[in-house]
C-alpha atoms as a PDB file:
ATOM      1  CA  MET A   1     109.988  31.151 -51.612  1.00  0.00           C
ATOM      2  CA  ASN A   2     113.179  33.194 -51.082  1.00  0.00           C
ATOM      3  CA  ALA A   3     113.504  31.828 -47.537  1.00  0.00           C
ATOM      4  CA  ILE A   4     113.329  28.282 -48.901  1.00  0.00           C
ATOM      5  CA  LEU A   5     115.936  29.020 -51.577  1.00  0.00           C
ATOM      6  CA  LYS A   6     118.247  30.633 -49.013  1.00  0.00           C
ATOM      7  CA  LYS A   7     117.950  27.538 -46.841  1.00  0.00           C
ATOM      8  CA  ILE A   8     118.560  25.188 -49.785  1.00  0.00           C
ATOM      9  CA  PHE A   9     121.696  27.026 -50.901  1.00  0.00           C
ATOM     10  CA  SER A  10     123.109  27.605 -47.416  1.00  0.00           C
ATOM     11  CA  LYS A  11     125.975  25.409 -46.249  1.00  0.00           C
ATOM     12  CA  ASP A  12     123.844  24.126 -43.344  1.00  0.00           C
ATOM     13  CA  PHE A  13     121.022  22.780 -45.494  1.00  0.00           C
ATOM     14  CA  VAL A  14     120.321  19.087 -44.923  1.00  0.00           C
ATOM     15  CA  VAL A  15     118.427  17.199 -47.605  1.00  0.00           C
ATOM     16  CA  ILE A  16     116.137  14.634 -46.010  1.00  0.00           C
ATOM     17  CA  ASP A  17     115.415  11.628 -48.216  1.00  0.00           C
ATOM     18  CA  ASP A  18     113.264   8.550 -47.565  1.00  0.00           C
ATOM     19  CA  ILE A  19     116.097   6.685 -45.819  1.00  0.00           C
ATOM     20  CA  ASP A  20     116.736   9.669 -43.529  1.00  0.00           C
ATOM     21  CA  LYS A  21     113.007   9.797 -42.710  1.00  0.00           C
ATOM     22  CA  LYS A  22     113.091   6.094 -41.817  1.00  0.00           C
ATOM     23  CA  ILE A  23     116.116   6.690 -39.591  1.00  0.00           C
ATOM     24  CA  LEU A  24     114.394   9.645 -37.896  1.00  0.00           C
ATOM     25  CA  THR A  25     111.213   7.644 -37.350  1.00  0.00           C
ATOM     26  CA  ILE A  26     113.174   4.837 -35.703  1.00  0.00           C
ATOM     27  CA  ILE A  27     115.408   6.944 -33.464  1.00  0.00           C
ATOM     28  CA  GLN A  28     112.564   9.232 -32.366  1.00  0.00           C
ATOM     29  CA  LYS A  29     110.928   6.148 -30.853  1.00  0.00           C
ATOM     30  CA  ASN A  30     114.117   4.671 -29.410  1.00  0.00           C
ATOM     31  CA  ALA A  31     117.374   6.629 -29.588  1.00  0.00           C
ATOM     32  CA  GLY A  32     119.095   3.834 -27.675  1.00  0.00           C
ATOM     33  CA  LEU A  33     118.849   1.272 -30.464  1.00  0.00           C
ATOM     34  CA  PRO A  34     122.221  -0.026 -31.605  1.00  0.00           C
ATOM     35  CA  LEU A  35     123.438   1.349 -34.923  1.00  0.00           C
ATOM     36  CA  SER A  36     123.418  -2.187 -36.356  1.00  0.00           C
ATOM     37  CA  GLU A  37     119.684  -2.491 -35.646  1.00  0.00           C
ATOM     38  CA  ILE A  38     118.873   0.950 -37.097  1.00  0.00           C
ATOM     39  CA  SER A  39     120.840   0.240 -40.268  1.00  0.00           C
ATOM     40  CA  LYS A  40     119.219  -3.198 -40.612  1.00  0.00           C
ATOM     41  CA  ARG A  41     115.722  -1.690 -40.314  1.00  0.00           C
ATOM     42  CA  VAL A  42     116.379   0.951 -42.994  1.00  0.00           C
ATOM     43  CA  GLY A  43     118.229  -1.431 -45.317  1.00  0.00           C
ATOM     44  CA  ILE A  44     121.709   0.110 -45.426  1.00  0.00           C
ATOM     45  CA  SER A  45     125.026  -0.811 -43.827  1.00  0.00           C
ATOM     46  CA  SER A  46     126.184   0.698 -40.540  1.00  0.00           C
ATOM     47  CA  THR A  47     128.731   3.198 -41.890  1.00  0.00           C
ATOM     48  CA  PRO A  48     126.361   5.013 -44.286  1.00  0.00           C
ATOM     49  CA  CYS A  49     123.681   4.935 -41.584  1.00  0.00           C
ATOM     50  CA  TRP A  50     126.087   6.518 -39.071  1.00  0.00           C
ATOM     51  CA  ASN A  51     127.128   9.127 -41.640  1.00  0.00           C
ATOM     52  CA  ARG A  52     123.480  10.058 -42.235  1.00  0.00           C
ATOM     53  CA  ILE A  53     122.832  10.398 -38.490  1.00  0.00           C
ATOM     54  CA  LYS A  54     125.952  12.564 -38.054  1.00  0.00           C
ATOM     55  CA  LYS A  55     124.940  14.732 -41.052  1.00  0.00           C
ATOM     56  CA  MET A  56     121.500  15.300 -39.497  1.00  0.00           C
ATOM     57  CA  GLU A  57     123.078  16.121 -36.119  1.00  0.00           C
ATOM     58  CA  GLU A  58     125.515  18.576 -37.659  1.00  0.00           C
ATOM     59  CA  GLY A  59     122.729  20.146 -39.729  1.00  0.00           C
ATOM     60  CA  GLY A  60     120.528  20.654 -36.667  1.00  0.00           C
ATOM     61  CA  VAL A  61     117.816  18.181 -37.689  1.00  0.00           C
ATOM     62  CA  ILE A  62     118.693  16.024 -34.670  1.00  0.00           C
ATOM     63  CA  SER A  63     119.156  18.348 -31.712  1.00  0.00           C
ATOM     64  CA  ALA A  64     119.748  15.747 -28.981  1.00  0.00           C
ATOM     65  CA  ARG A  65     119.661  12.093 -28.105  1.00  0.00           C
ATOM     66  CA  THR A  66     117.943  11.664 -24.804  1.00  0.00           C
ATOM     67  CA  ILE A  67     116.061   9.290 -22.546  1.00  0.00           C
ATOM     68  CA  VAL A  68     112.491  10.047 -21.528  1.00  0.00           C
ATOM     69  CA  LEU A  69     111.769   9.308 -17.887  1.00  0.00           C
ATOM     70  CA  ASN A  70     108.412   8.198 -16.518  1.00  0.00           C
ATOM     71  CA  ARG A  71     107.598  11.174 -14.288  1.00  0.00           C
ATOM     72  CA  LYS A  72     105.191   9.150 -12.116  1.00  0.00           C
ATOM     73  CA  ALA A  73     107.887   6.557 -11.442  1.00  0.00           C
ATOM     74  CA  ILE A  74     110.154   9.310 -10.086  1.00  0.00           C
ATOM     75  CA  ASN A  75     107.442  10.860  -7.892  1.00  0.00           C
ATOM     76  CA  LEU A  76     106.375  13.756 -10.144  1.00  0.00           C
ATOM     77  CA  ALA A  77     102.684  12.906 -10.376  1.00  0.00           C
ATOM     78  CA  VAL A  78     101.411  16.495 -10.567  1.00  0.00           C
ATOM     79  CA  VAL A  79     101.454  18.518 -13.797  1.00  0.00           C
ATOM     80  CA  VAL A  80     100.403  22.154 -13.656  1.00  0.00           C
ATOM     81  CA  PHE A  81     100.021  24.656 -16.473  1.00  0.00           C
ATOM     82  CA  LEU A  82     100.760  28.094 -15.105  1.00  0.00           C
ATOM     83  CA  SER A  83      99.454  31.020 -17.154  1.00  0.00           C
ATOM     84  CA  ILE A  84     101.143  34.362 -16.635  1.00  0.00           C
ATOM     85  CA  ARG A  85     100.088  37.781 -17.870  1.00  0.00           C
ATOM     86  CA  VAL A  86     102.503  40.683 -17.738  1.00  0.00           C
ATOM     87  CA  SER A  87     102.000  44.418 -18.163  1.00  0.00           C
ATOM     88  CA  HIS A  88     105.113  44.985 -20.250  1.00  0.00           C
ATOM     89  CA  GLN A  89     107.722  42.866 -21.977  1.00  0.00           C
ATOM     90  CA  SER A  90     110.849  44.963 -22.076  1.00  0.00           C
ATOM     91  CA  ARG A  91     114.204  43.404 -22.930  1.00  0.00           C
ATOM     92  CA  ASP A  92     115.177  43.591 -19.252  1.00  0.00           C
ATOM     93  CA  TRP A  93     111.961  41.862 -18.159  1.00  0.00           C
ATOM     94  CA  ILE A  94     112.376  39.102 -20.760  1.00  0.00           C
ATOM     95  CA  SER A  95     115.999  38.598 -19.734  1.00  0.00           C
ATOM     96  CA  SER A  96     115.016  38.382 -16.066  1.00  0.00           C
ATOM     97  CA  PHE A  97     112.133  36.023 -16.874  1.00  0.00           C
ATOM     98  CA  GLN A  98     114.433  33.771 -18.910  1.00  0.00           C
ATOM     99  CA  LYS A  99     116.862  33.545 -15.979  1.00  0.00           C
ATOM    100  CA  VAL A 100     114.034  32.566 -13.614  1.00  0.00           C
ATOM    101  CA  ILE A 101     112.642  29.832 -15.862  1.00  0.00           C
ATOM    102  CA  ASP A 102     116.127  28.497 -16.654  1.00  0.00           C
ATOM    103  CA  LYS A 103     117.086  28.096 -13.004  1.00  0.00           C
ATOM    104  CA  HIS A 104     114.032  26.024 -12.012  1.00  0.00           C
ATOM    105  CA  GLU A 105     114.090  22.444 -13.257  1.00  0.00           C
ATOM    106  CA  GLU A 106     110.437  22.029 -12.220  1.00  0.00           C
ATOM    107  CA  ILE A 107     109.554  24.212 -15.221  1.00  0.00           C
ATOM    108  CA  ILE A 108     109.867  21.759 -18.089  1.00  0.00           C
ATOM    109  CA  GLU A 109     108.308  23.880 -20.853  1.00  0.00           C
ATOM    110  CA  THR A 110     107.642  27.559 -21.388  1.00  0.00           C
ATOM    111  CA  HIS A 111     105.758  29.136 -24.271  1.00  0.00           C
ATOM    112  CA  ARG A 112     105.139  32.770 -25.189  1.00  0.00           C
ATOM    113  CA  LEU A 113     101.542  33.052 -26.394  1.00  0.00           C
ATOM    114  CA  THR A 114      99.327  35.158 -28.560  1.00  0.00           C
ATOM    115  CA  GLY A 115      95.555  35.124 -28.882  1.00  0.00           C
ATOM    116  CA  SER A 116      94.900  34.281 -25.267  1.00  0.00           C
ATOM    117  CA  ASP A 117      94.401  36.002 -21.948  1.00  0.00           C
ATOM    118  CA  SER A 118      97.959  35.033 -20.982  1.00  0.00           C
ATOM    119  CA  ASP A 119     101.358  36.028 -22.284  1.00  0.00           C
ATOM    120  CA  TYR A 120     103.236  32.935 -21.107  1.00  0.00           C
ATOM    121  CA  LEU A 121     102.358  29.334 -20.347  1.00  0.00           C
ATOM    122  CA  LEU A 122     104.631  27.245 -18.136  1.00  0.00           C
ATOM    123  CA  LYS A 123     104.405  23.485 -17.754  1.00  0.00           C
ATOM    124  CA  ILE A 124     105.508  22.580 -14.253  1.00  0.00           C
ATOM    125  CA  VAL A 125     105.938  19.184 -12.584  1.00  0.00           C
ATOM    126  CA  ALA A 126     105.750  18.539  -8.856  1.00  0.00           C
ATOM    127  CA  SER A 127     105.438  15.612  -6.493  1.00  0.00           C
ATOM    128  CA  SER A 128     102.323  17.016  -4.792  1.00  0.00           C
ATOM    129  CA  ILE A 129      99.937  19.951  -4.800  1.00  0.00           C
ATOM    130  CA  GLU A 130     101.646  21.185  -1.644  1.00  0.00           C
ATOM    131  CA  ASP A 131     105.056  21.109  -3.362  1.00  0.00           C
ATOM    132  CA  TYR A 132     103.594  22.948  -6.343  1.00  0.00           C
ATOM    133  CA  ASP A 133     102.059  25.583  -4.054  1.00  0.00           C
ATOM    134  CA  ASN A 134     105.431  26.137  -2.380  1.00  0.00           C
ATOM    135  CA  PHE A 135     107.088  26.425  -5.774  1.00  0.00           C
ATOM    136  CA  GLN A 136     104.470  28.871  -7.044  1.00  0.00           C
ATOM    137  CA  GLN A 137     104.965  31.053  -3.960  1.00  0.00           C
ATOM    138  CA  LYS A 138     108.676  31.132  -4.771  1.00  0.00           C
ATOM    139  CA  LEU A 139     107.881  32.207  -8.363  1.00  0.00           C
ATOM    140  CA  ILE A 140     105.558  34.941  -7.122  1.00  0.00           C
ATOM    141  CA  GLY A 141     108.528  36.446  -5.292  1.00  0.00           C
ATOM    142  CA  GLU A 142     110.793  36.195  -8.342  1.00  0.00           C
ATOM    143  CA  LEU A 143     108.564  37.406 -11.185  1.00  0.00           C
ATOM    144  CA  GLU A 144     106.901  40.693 -12.045  1.00  0.00           C
ATOM    145  CA  PHE A 145     103.421  39.935 -13.432  1.00  0.00           C
ATOM    146  CA  THR A 146      99.836  41.198 -13.427  1.00  0.00           C
ATOM    147  CA  LYS A 147      98.009  37.847 -13.340  1.00  0.00           C
ATOM    148  CA  MET A 148      98.911  34.257 -12.596  1.00  0.00           C
ATOM    149  CA  SER A 149      96.560  31.297 -12.972  1.00  0.00           C
ATOM    150  CA  SER A 150      97.192  27.586 -12.380  1.00  0.00           C
ATOM    151  CA  SER A 151      95.468  24.721 -14.181  1.00  0.00           C
ATOM    152  CA  ILE A 152      96.112  21.270 -12.773  1.00  0.00           C
ATOM    153  CA  SER A 153      96.137  18.367 -15.203  1.00  0.00           C
ATOM    154  CA  LEU A 154      93.713  15.670 -14.104  1.00  0.00           C
ATOM    155  CA  GLN A 155      94.739  13.150 -16.753  1.00  0.00           C
ATOM    156  CA  GLU A 156      97.477  13.116 -19.339  1.00  0.00           C
ATOM    157  CA  MET A 157      95.799  11.848 -22.477  1.00  0.00           C
ATOM    158  CA  LYS A 158      98.737  12.136 -24.878  1.00  0.00           C
ATOM    159  CA  ASN A 159     102.392  12.921 -24.395  1.00  0.00           C
ATOM    160  CA  SER A 160     104.518  12.324 -27.470  1.00  0.00           C
ATOM    161  CA  HIS A 161     108.037  13.441 -28.157  1.00  0.00           C
ATOM    162  CA  ASN A 162     107.853  12.124 -31.724  1.00  0.00           C
ATOM    163  CA  LEU A 163     107.446  14.849 -34.336  1.00  0.00           C
ATOM    164  CA  PRO A 164     105.466  14.158 -37.515  1.00  0.00           C
ATOM    165  CA  LEU A 165     107.619  13.680 -40.621  1.00  0.00           C
ATOM    166  CA  LYS A 166     105.006  13.550 -43.405  1.00  0.00           C
ATOM    167  CA  GLN A 167     105.633  17.239 -44.229  1.00  0.00           C
ATOM    168  CA  LEU A 168     109.083  16.249 -45.500  1.00  0.00           C
ATOM    169  CA  GLU A 169     107.600  14.322 -48.461  1.00  0.00           C
ATOM    170  CA  ASN A 170     107.487  17.376 -50.741  1.00  0.00           C
ATOM    171  CA  PHE A 171     110.334  19.335 -49.221  1.00  0.00           C
END
């Protein structure tokens, strides 16, 4: 409860009302819609709509406006989940690991895990299994680890960038 109160009374707190939720729902699906169309869909004029969007950007609710590319259309048909186990996670190791994952654009997601046989899970895209193998060999030379295991995605069944907003109803 104290964490919620601190957030509410901080200068960065952004109150999300029903109109904001409508705006978020619309721009999550298509950030390229003109402001006039967004404001029309939520039932307010353009200036208040723009002010709401700016407020949510400044408050960190909206972290970026981006375009999602079709990876198959740009010859990145292979998705691999690379599990990594390490023997220790010192500050130096984590710093080094962060530098490695940041420099490789093929690594599109990285998660630190608990409750599994792995410490980290990397989502990697490649144009072919051969390209992935070459990339993995490069990583092997750059990382200190005790176990590495690759799982190749056979079929992407869901890939959504839209976050659920129903939890904001009672917030």
